[in-house]
Amino acid sequence: MTTDDLDDNELESSAKMSFLDHLDELRRRLIVSIAAVGIGFVACFSFAEKIYNFLAVPITQNLNGAKLAYTNPTDPFTIYMKVALLAGVFLASPVVLTQVWLFISPGLYAREKKFALPFIISTSVLFLLGGAFAYTIALPMSLRFLINLGSSFQPVVTITEYLDLILTVIIGCAIIFQIPVLIFFLTIFGIVNARFLIRNLRYAILIIFIVAAILTPTSDIANMLIFSTPMLLLYLVGIVVSWIFGRKRRQKVKAA
């Protein structure tokens, strides 16, 4: 029996998992992921005030150091809970992404399972880079534009409104930075290839601008470009990734 025969047998065996088996596997992975985020939340809650002060820099530096306002006595506690949860998600992201891999890996061939470590490292790094991009580039530029636009008025920004904004932007950017990894898996599964991605580039650009419009605080072109440009670059990187691994996949198919 050849190695390819063994791979086919492994895939056939995994395919025989019942729907309930898949649900049970999903449940276990979700429990581990939620537990990891919970532990990260508990670990970060003691530093919630410092984390908040860190997250508030993009707007306070444009308000000449002025503090944000709150309208409900419970708002500060709620905010500290949210920032601790956000930090917990980033802290637990390697564990969560490992659970994602463990959930999808039974459907892979043995030769494809060797990508486990690169998958975990690349997705974790891209997740953090997405959050860093949002914090260091997207948010400061967007907020600077918005506050300068309203320079004729007295800004009264509440901590709740600001936190809702940064949660959307930071988590959104962290997720969209996974585009090359998503394209990689779609390629090795034979769902897409570089030619398909190039042929549908115009549709990809349309989707990218729709996502950018959702993430950006305003609908102006300048702010949309801040968010859409890295997404487009990541899509182009994904095309290169698809071309490289798609070629390897075609070579293996021909060899078989």
C-alpha atoms as a PDB file:
ATOM      1  CA  MET A   1       0.000   0.000   0.000  1.00  0.00           C
ATOM      2  CA  THR A   2       1.421   3.368  -1.030  1.00  0.00           C
ATOM      3  CA  THR A   3       1.599   6.526   1.049  1.00  0.00           C
ATOM      4  CA  ASP A   4      -1.140   8.065  -1.091  1.00  0.00           C
ATOM      5  CA  ASP A   5      -3.340   5.037  -0.379  1.00  0.00           C
ATOM      6  CA  LEU A   6      -2.787   5.562   3.339  1.00  0.00           C
ATOM      7  CA  ASP A   7      -3.671   9.233   2.956  1.00  0.00           C
ATOM      8  CA  ASP A   8      -6.859   8.324   1.089  1.00  0.00           C
ATOM      9  CA  ASN A   9      -7.770   5.820   3.803  1.00  0.00           C
ATOM     10  CA  GLU A  10      -7.214   8.449   6.493  1.00  0.00           C
ATOM     11  CA  LEU A  11      -9.406  10.935   4.652  1.00  0.00           C
ATOM     12  CA  GLU A  12     -12.107   8.309   4.083  1.00  0.00           C
ATOM     13  CA  SER A  13     -12.008   7.360   7.763  1.00  0.00           C
ATOM     14  CA  SER A  14     -12.401  10.998   8.825  1.00  0.00           C
ATOM     15  CA  ALA A  15     -15.230  11.425   6.333  1.00  0.00           C
ATOM     16  CA  LYS A  16     -17.107   8.620   8.080  1.00  0.00           C
ATOM     17  CA  MET A  17     -17.433  10.753  11.199  1.00  0.00           C
ATOM     18  CA  SER A  18     -21.118  11.328  11.766  1.00  0.00           C
ATOM     19  CA  PHE A  19     -22.698  14.735  11.970  1.00  0.00           C
ATOM     20  CA  LEU A  20     -23.057  14.308  15.734  1.00  0.00           C
ATOM     21  CA  ASP A  21     -19.365  13.397  15.986  1.00  0.00           C
ATOM     22  CA  HIS A  22     -18.471  16.644  14.231  1.00  0.00           C
ATOM     23  CA  LEU A  23     -20.755  18.583  16.550  1.00  0.00           C
ATOM     24  CA  ASP A  24     -19.171  16.926  19.581  1.00  0.00           C
ATOM     25  CA  GLU A  25     -15.701  17.767  18.249  1.00  0.00           C
ATOM     26  CA  LEU A  26     -16.787  21.382  17.665  1.00  0.00           C
ATOM     27  CA  ARG A  27     -18.208  21.565  21.183  1.00  0.00           C
ATOM     28  CA  ARG A  28     -14.930  20.367  22.717  1.00  0.00           C
ATOM     29  CA  ARG A  29     -12.885  22.854  20.710  1.00  0.00           C
ATOM     30  CA  LEU A  30     -15.232  25.693  21.671  1.00  0.00           C
ATOM     31  CA  ILE A  31     -15.032  24.769  25.352  1.00  0.00           C
ATOM     32  CA  VAL A  32     -11.220  24.828  25.288  1.00  0.00           C
ATOM     33  CA  SER A  33     -11.222  28.136  23.370  1.00  0.00           C
ATOM     34  CA  ILE A  34     -13.706  29.778  25.736  1.00  0.00           C
ATOM     35  CA  ALA A  35     -11.749  28.510  28.739  1.00  0.00           C
ATOM     36  CA  ALA A  36      -8.526  29.953  27.286  1.00  0.00           C
ATOM     37  CA  VAL A  37     -10.188  33.334  26.694  1.00  0.00           C
ATOM     38  CA  GLY A  38     -11.641  33.182  30.225  1.00  0.00           C
ATOM     39  CA  ILE A  39      -8.215  32.550  31.728  1.00  0.00           C
ATOM     40  CA  GLY A  40      -6.795  35.385  29.622  1.00  0.00           C
ATOM     41  CA  PHE A  41      -9.611  37.654  30.830  1.00  0.00           C
ATOM     42  CA  VAL A  42      -8.905  36.861  34.493  1.00  0.00           C
ATOM     43  CA  ALA A  43      -5.177  37.398  33.985  1.00  0.00           C
ATOM     44  CA  CYS A  44      -5.747  40.772  32.286  1.00  0.00           C
ATOM     45  CA  PHE A  45      -8.471  42.139  34.564  1.00  0.00           C
ATOM     46  CA  SER A  46      -5.948  43.246  37.210  1.00  0.00           C
ATOM     47  CA  PHE A  47      -4.314  45.405  34.522  1.00  0.00           C
ATOM     48  CA  ALA A  48      -7.596  46.631  33.013  1.00  0.00           C
ATOM     49  CA  GLU A  49      -6.990  50.272  33.899  1.00  0.00           C
ATOM     50  CA  LYS A  50      -3.526  50.246  32.335  1.00  0.00           C
ATOM     51  CA  ILE A  51      -4.869  48.458  29.272  1.00  0.00           C
ATOM     52  CA  TYR A  52      -7.617  51.053  28.927  1.00  0.00           C
ATOM     53  CA  ASN A  53      -5.121  53.918  29.226  1.00  0.00           C
ATOM     54  CA  PHE A  54      -3.088  52.243  26.477  1.00  0.00           C
ATOM     55  CA  LEU A  55      -6.132  51.820  24.206  1.00  0.00           C
ATOM     56  CA  ALA A  56      -7.237  55.406  24.818  1.00  0.00           C
ATOM     57  CA  VAL A  57      -3.992  56.905  23.474  1.00  0.00           C
ATOM     58  CA  PRO A  58      -5.150  57.127  19.810  1.00  0.00           C
ATOM     59  CA  ILE A  59      -7.981  59.480  20.791  1.00  0.00           C
ATOM     60  CA  THR A  60      -6.594  61.293  23.848  1.00  0.00           C
ATOM     61  CA  GLN A  61      -3.508  62.365  21.896  1.00  0.00           C
ATOM     62  CA  ASN A  62      -5.890  64.097  19.486  1.00  0.00           C
ATOM     63  CA  LEU A  63      -7.847  65.667  22.357  1.00  0.00           C
ATOM     64  CA  ASN A  64      -4.727  67.248  23.871  1.00  0.00           C
ATOM     65  CA  GLY A  65      -4.720  64.671  26.647  1.00  0.00           C
ATOM     66  CA  ALA A  66      -8.326  65.300  27.716  1.00  0.00           C
ATOM     67  CA  LYS A  67     -10.079  62.394  29.406  1.00  0.00           C
ATOM     68  CA  LEU A  68     -13.108  60.678  27.934  1.00  0.00           C
ATOM     69  CA  ALA A  69     -16.496  61.064  29.598  1.00  0.00           C
ATOM     70  CA  TYR A  70     -19.016  58.598  30.956  1.00  0.00           C
ATOM     71  CA  THR A  71     -22.733  59.025  31.614  1.00  0.00           C
ATOM     72  CA  ASN A  72     -23.489  56.080  33.873  1.00  0.00           C
ATOM     73  CA  PRO A  73     -21.756  55.259  37.201  1.00  0.00           C
ATOM     74  CA  THR A  74     -21.366  51.634  36.079  1.00  0.00           C
ATOM     75  CA  ASP A  75     -19.632  52.566  32.800  1.00  0.00           C
ATOM     76  CA  PRO A  76     -16.028  52.441  34.128  1.00  0.00           C
ATOM     77  CA  PHE A  77     -16.530  48.918  35.517  1.00  0.00           C
ATOM     78  CA  THR A  78     -18.145  47.778  32.266  1.00  0.00           C
ATOM     79  CA  ILE A  79     -15.315  49.305  30.262  1.00  0.00           C
ATOM     80  CA  TYR A  80     -12.649  47.573  32.336  1.00  0.00           C
ATOM     81  CA  MET A  81     -14.493  44.274  31.814  1.00  0.00           C
ATOM     82  CA  LYS A  82     -14.530  44.813  28.054  1.00  0.00           C
ATOM     83  CA  VAL A  83     -10.876  45.823  27.741  1.00  0.00           C
ATOM     84  CA  ALA A  84      -9.841  42.840  29.876  1.00  0.00           C
ATOM     85  CA  LEU A  85     -11.873  40.589  27.578  1.00  0.00           C
ATOM     86  CA  LEU A  86     -10.302  42.153  24.477  1.00  0.00           C
ATOM     87  CA  ALA A  87      -6.813  41.662  25.923  1.00  0.00           C
ATOM     88  CA  GLY A  88      -7.777  38.124  26.939  1.00  0.00           C
ATOM     89  CA  VAL A  89      -8.786  37.320  23.353  1.00  0.00           C
ATOM     90  CA  PHE A  90      -5.389  38.434  22.036  1.00  0.00           C
ATOM     91  CA  LEU A  91      -3.568  36.644  24.851  1.00  0.00           C
ATOM     92  CA  ALA A  92      -5.470  33.417  24.168  1.00  0.00           C
ATOM     93  CA  SER A  93      -5.336  33.700  20.363  1.00  0.00           C
ATOM     94  CA  PRO A  94      -2.595  31.030  19.910  1.00  0.00           C
ATOM     95  CA  VAL A  95      -4.692  28.550  21.915  1.00  0.00           C
ATOM     96  CA  VAL A  96      -7.879  29.439  20.041  1.00  0.00           C
ATOM     97  CA  LEU A  97      -6.177  29.142  16.655  1.00  0.00           C
ATOM     98  CA  THR A  98      -4.675  25.807  17.717  1.00  0.00           C
ATOM     99  CA  GLN A  99      -8.210  24.582  18.421  1.00  0.00           C
ATOM    100  CA  VAL A 100      -9.262  25.767  14.956  1.00  0.00           C
ATOM    101  CA  TRP A 101      -6.451  23.684  13.467  1.00  0.00           C
ATOM    102  CA  LEU A 102      -7.341  20.631  15.545  1.00  0.00           C
ATOM    103  CA  PHE A 103     -10.942  20.911  14.343  1.00  0.00           C
ATOM    104  CA  ILE A 104     -10.102  21.079  10.630  1.00  0.00           C
ATOM    105  CA  SER A 105      -7.064  18.767  10.630  1.00  0.00           C
ATOM    106  CA  PRO A 106      -9.040  15.460  10.546  1.00  0.00           C
ATOM    107  CA  GLY A 107     -10.178  16.455   7.040  1.00  0.00           C
ATOM    108  CA  LEU A 108      -6.612  16.885   5.782  1.00  0.00           C
ATOM    109  CA  TYR A 109      -4.225  14.404   4.203  1.00  0.00           C
ATOM    110  CA  ALA A 110      -1.260  13.319   6.296  1.00  0.00           C
ATOM    111  CA  ARG A 111       1.113  15.360   4.106  1.00  0.00           C
ATOM    112  CA  GLU A 112      -1.028  18.447   4.741  1.00  0.00           C
ATOM    113  CA  LYS A 113      -1.055  17.985   8.513  1.00  0.00           C
ATOM    114  CA  LYS A 114       2.623  18.953   8.577  1.00  0.00           C
ATOM    115  CA  PHE A 115       1.442  22.571   8.212  1.00  0.00           C
ATOM    116  CA  ALA A 116       0.164  22.539  11.806  1.00  0.00           C
ATOM    117  CA  LEU A 117       3.001  24.590  13.322  1.00  0.00           C
ATOM    118  CA  PRO A 118       3.251  27.069  10.406  1.00  0.00           C
ATOM    119  CA  PHE A 119      -0.532  27.521  10.569  1.00  0.00           C
ATOM    120  CA  ILE A 120      -0.551  28.273  14.298  1.00  0.00           C
ATOM    121  CA  ILE A 121       2.444  30.606  14.090  1.00  0.00           C
ATOM    122  CA  SER A 122       1.301  32.462  10.961  1.00  0.00           C
ATOM    123  CA  THR A 123      -2.303  32.941  12.087  1.00  0.00           C
ATOM    124  CA  SER A 124      -1.215  34.084  15.551  1.00  0.00           C
ATOM    125  CA  VAL A 125       1.324  36.536  14.132  1.00  0.00           C
ATOM    126  CA  LEU A 126      -1.149  37.871  11.544  1.00  0.00           C
ATOM    127  CA  PHE A 127      -3.847  38.234  14.216  1.00  0.00           C
ATOM    128  CA  LEU A 128      -1.507  40.318  16.360  1.00  0.00           C
ATOM    129  CA  LEU A 129      -0.283  42.298  13.349  1.00  0.00           C
ATOM    130  CA  GLY A 130      -3.879  43.102  12.424  1.00  0.00           C
ATOM    131  CA  GLY A 131      -4.546  44.443  15.903  1.00  0.00           C
ATOM    132  CA  ALA A 132      -1.275  46.389  15.849  1.00  0.00           C
ATOM    133  CA  PHE A 133      -2.136  47.901  12.451  1.00  0.00           C
ATOM    134  CA  ALA A 134      -5.513  49.039  13.756  1.00  0.00           C
ATOM    135  CA  TYR A 135      -4.007  50.573  16.895  1.00  0.00           C
ATOM    136  CA  THR A 136      -0.949  52.260  15.382  1.00  0.00           C
ATOM    137  CA  ILE A 137      -2.189  53.313  11.938  1.00  0.00           C
ATOM    138  CA  ALA A 138      -5.909  52.938  11.197  1.00  0.00           C
ATOM    139  CA  LEU A 139      -7.350  54.357  14.423  1.00  0.00           C
ATOM    140  CA  PRO A 140      -4.973  57.341  14.856  1.00  0.00           C
ATOM    141  CA  MET A 141      -5.387  58.459  11.230  1.00  0.00           C
ATOM    142  CA  SER A 142      -9.169  58.066  11.285  1.00  0.00           C
ATOM    143  CA  LEU A 143      -9.586  59.816  14.626  1.00  0.00           C
ATOM    144  CA  ARG A 144      -7.264  62.656  13.657  1.00  0.00           C
ATOM    145  CA  PHE A 145      -9.329  63.271  10.529  1.00  0.00           C
ATOM    146  CA  LEU A 146     -12.643  63.143  12.407  1.00  0.00           C
ATOM    147  CA  ILE A 147     -11.574  65.390  15.278  1.00  0.00           C
ATOM    148  CA  ASN A 148     -10.005  67.960  12.949  1.00  0.00           C
ATOM    149  CA  LEU A 149     -13.194  67.907  10.913  1.00  0.00           C
ATOM    150  CA  GLY A 150     -15.164  68.855  14.040  1.00  0.00           C
ATOM    151  CA  SER A 151     -12.692  71.455  15.278  1.00  0.00           C
ATOM    152  CA  SER A 152     -15.481  74.051  15.427  1.00  0.00           C
ATOM    153  CA  PHE A 153     -17.196  72.054  18.158  1.00  0.00           C
ATOM    154  CA  GLN A 154     -16.413  70.866  21.666  1.00  0.00           C
ATOM    155  CA  PRO A 155     -15.856  67.086  21.558  1.00  0.00           C
ATOM    156  CA  VAL A 156     -17.558  65.081  24.301  1.00  0.00           C
ATOM    157  CA  VAL A 157     -16.620  61.479  23.588  1.00  0.00           C
ATOM    158  CA  THR A 158     -17.869  58.821  25.986  1.00  0.00           C
ATOM    159  CA  ILE A 159     -15.764  55.822  26.918  1.00  0.00           C
ATOM    160  CA  THR A 160     -18.558  53.462  25.845  1.00  0.00           C
ATOM    161  CA  GLU A 161     -18.784  54.900  22.337  1.00  0.00           C
ATOM    162  CA  TYR A 162     -15.024  54.924  21.934  1.00  0.00           C
ATOM    163  CA  LEU A 163     -14.576  51.368  23.158  1.00  0.00           C
ATOM    164  CA  ASP A 164     -17.297  50.073  20.850  1.00  0.00           C
ATOM    165  CA  LEU A 165     -15.429  51.716  17.992  1.00  0.00           C
ATOM    166  CA  ILE A 166     -12.003  50.313  18.814  1.00  0.00           C
ATOM    167  CA  LEU A 167     -13.408  46.830  19.472  1.00  0.00           C
ATOM    168  CA  THR A 168     -14.902  46.794  15.979  1.00  0.00           C
ATOM    169  CA  VAL A 169     -11.784  48.158  14.315  1.00  0.00           C
ATOM    170  CA  ILE A 170      -9.147  46.142  16.208  1.00  0.00           C
ATOM    171  CA  ILE A 171     -10.936  42.778  16.084  1.00  0.00           C
ATOM    172  CA  GLY A 172     -12.006  43.436  12.492  1.00  0.00           C
ATOM    173  CA  CYS A 173      -8.445  44.167  11.364  1.00  0.00           C
ATOM    174  CA  ALA A 174      -7.103  41.166  13.279  1.00  0.00           C
ATOM    175  CA  ILE A 175      -9.552  38.916  11.420  1.00  0.00           C
ATOM    176  CA  ILE A 176      -9.011  40.364   7.938  1.00  0.00           C
ATOM    177  CA  PHE A 177      -5.264  39.880   8.334  1.00  0.00           C
ATOM    178  CA  GLN A 178      -6.024  36.141   8.080  1.00  0.00           C
ATOM    179  CA  ILE A 179      -6.775  36.493   4.344  1.00  0.00           C
ATOM    180  CA  PRO A 180      -3.512  34.837   3.135  1.00  0.00           C
ATOM    181  CA  VAL A 181      -4.031  31.878   5.487  1.00  0.00           C
ATOM    182  CA  LEU A 182      -7.629  31.472   4.329  1.00  0.00           C
ATOM    183  CA  ILE A 183      -6.531  31.524   0.685  1.00  0.00           C
ATOM    184  CA  PHE A 184      -3.808  28.979   1.476  1.00  0.00           C
ATOM    185  CA  PHE A 185      -6.326  26.480   2.822  1.00  0.00           C
ATOM    186  CA  LEU A 186      -8.810  27.098   0.029  1.00  0.00           C
ATOM    187  CA  THR A 187      -5.939  26.362  -2.360  1.00  0.00           C
ATOM    188  CA  ILE A 188      -4.775  23.103  -0.799  1.00  0.00           C
ATOM    189  CA  PHE A 189      -8.398  21.952  -0.687  1.00  0.00           C
ATOM    190  CA  GLY A 190      -8.607  22.656  -4.412  1.00  0.00           C
ATOM    191  CA  ILE A 191     -11.401  25.221  -4.018  1.00  0.00           C
ATOM    192  CA  VAL A 192      -9.506  28.168  -5.512  1.00  0.00           C
ATOM    193  CA  ASN A 193      -6.294  28.762  -7.437  1.00  0.00           C
ATOM    194  CA  ALA A 194      -4.228  31.791  -8.446  1.00  0.00           C
ATOM    195  CA  ARG A 195      -5.964  32.056 -11.825  1.00  0.00           C
ATOM    196  CA  PHE A 196      -9.385  32.067 -10.163  1.00  0.00           C
ATOM    197  CA  LEU A 197      -8.293  34.758  -7.687  1.00  0.00           C
ATOM    198  CA  ILE A 198      -6.890  36.982 -10.450  1.00  0.00           C
ATOM    199  CA  ARG A 199      -9.953  36.493 -12.638  1.00  0.00           C
ATOM    200  CA  ASN A 200     -12.224  37.550  -9.765  1.00  0.00           C
ATOM    201  CA  LEU A 201     -10.047  40.418  -8.576  1.00  0.00           C
ATOM    202  CA  ARG A 202     -12.721  43.023  -9.381  1.00  0.00           C
ATOM    203  CA  TYR A 203     -15.231  41.205  -7.173  1.00  0.00           C
ATOM    204  CA  ALA A 204     -12.626  40.901  -4.426  1.00  0.00           C
ATOM    205  CA  ILE A 205     -12.022  44.664  -4.585  1.00  0.00           C
ATOM    206  CA  LEU A 206     -15.766  45.269  -4.272  1.00  0.00           C
ATOM    207  CA  ILE A 207     -15.982  43.010  -1.200  1.00  0.00           C
ATOM    208  CA  ILE A 208     -12.878  44.647   0.282  1.00  0.00           C
ATOM    209  CA  PHE A 209     -14.433  48.116   0.005  1.00  0.00           C
ATOM    210  CA  ILE A 210     -17.674  46.860   1.539  1.00  0.00           C
ATOM    211  CA  VAL A 211     -15.760  45.431   4.515  1.00  0.00           C
ATOM    212  CA  ALA A 212     -13.707  48.653   4.761  1.00  0.00           C
ATOM    213  CA  ALA A 213     -16.937  50.671   4.807  1.00  0.00           C
ATOM    214  CA  ILE A 214     -18.145  48.550   7.743  1.00  0.00           C
ATOM    215  CA  LEU A 215     -14.907  48.912   9.692  1.00  0.00           C
ATOM    216  CA  THR A 216     -14.162  52.574   9.073  1.00  0.00           C
ATOM    217  CA  PRO A 217     -15.730  55.142  11.423  1.00  0.00           C
ATOM    218  CA  THR A 218     -16.843  57.217   8.416  1.00  0.00           C
ATOM    219  CA  SER A 219     -17.747  56.545   4.806  1.00  0.00           C
ATOM    220  CA  ASP A 220     -15.252  58.986   3.265  1.00  0.00           C
ATOM    221  CA  ILE A 221     -12.781  57.660   0.699  1.00  0.00           C
ATOM    222  CA  ALA A 222      -9.661  58.651   2.668  1.00  0.00           C
ATOM    223  CA  ASN A 223     -10.604  56.567   5.697  1.00  0.00           C
ATOM    224  CA  MET A 224     -11.838  53.685   3.557  1.00  0.00           C
ATOM    225  CA  LEU A 225      -8.457  53.569   1.817  1.00  0.00           C
ATOM    226  CA  ILE A 226      -6.726  53.221   5.190  1.00  0.00           C
ATOM    227  CA  PHE A 227      -8.592  49.961   5.742  1.00  0.00           C
ATOM    228  CA  SER A 228      -8.962  48.708   2.173  1.00  0.00           C
ATOM    229  CA  THR A 229      -5.318  49.116   1.130  1.00  0.00           C
ATOM    230  CA  PRO A 230      -3.877  46.482   3.520  1.00  0.00           C
ATOM    231  CA  MET A 231      -6.751  44.125   2.659  1.00  0.00           C
ATOM    232  CA  LEU A 232      -5.971  44.436  -1.036  1.00  0.00           C
ATOM    233  CA  LEU A 233      -2.258  43.877  -0.376  1.00  0.00           C
ATOM    234  CA  LEU A 234      -3.092  40.800   1.706  1.00  0.00           C
ATOM    235  CA  TYR A 235      -5.286  39.508  -1.130  1.00  0.00           C
ATOM    236  CA  LEU A 236      -2.371  39.953  -3.559  1.00  0.00           C
ATOM    237  CA  VAL A 237      -0.105  38.098  -1.123  1.00  0.00           C
ATOM    238  CA  GLY A 238      -2.765  35.391  -1.053  1.00  0.00           C
ATOM    239  CA  ILE A 239      -2.575  35.113  -4.860  1.00  0.00           C
ATOM    240  CA  VAL A 240       1.173  34.492  -4.621  1.00  0.00           C
ATOM    241  CA  VAL A 241       0.601  31.913  -1.862  1.00  0.00           C
ATOM    242  CA  SER A 242      -2.084  30.232  -3.981  1.00  0.00           C
ATOM    243  CA  TRP A 243       0.207  30.133  -7.011  1.00  0.00           C
ATOM    244  CA  ILE A 244       3.054  28.537  -5.047  1.00  0.00           C
ATOM    245  CA  PHE A 245       1.018  25.882  -3.268  1.00  0.00           C
ATOM    246  CA  GLY A 246      -1.362  25.383  -6.189  1.00  0.00           C
ATOM    247  CA  ARG A 247       1.594  24.491  -8.391  1.00  0.00           C
ATOM    248  CA  LYS A 248       2.819  21.981  -5.818  1.00  0.00           C
ATOM    249  CA  ARG A 249      -0.664  20.481  -5.631  1.00  0.00           C
ATOM    250  CA  ARG A 250      -0.834  20.118  -9.444  1.00  0.00           C
ATOM    251  CA  GLN A 251       2.578  18.458  -9.494  1.00  0.00           C
ATOM    252  CA  LYS A 252       1.452  15.909  -6.896  1.00  0.00           C
ATOM    253  CA  VAL A 253      -1.729  15.197  -8.834  1.00  0.00           C
ATOM    254  CA  LYS A 254       0.255  14.613 -12.040  1.00  0.00           C
ATOM    255  CA  ALA A 255       2.758  12.395 -10.201  1.00  0.00           C
ATOM    256  CA  ALA A 256      -0.118  10.285  -8.857  1.00  0.00           C
END
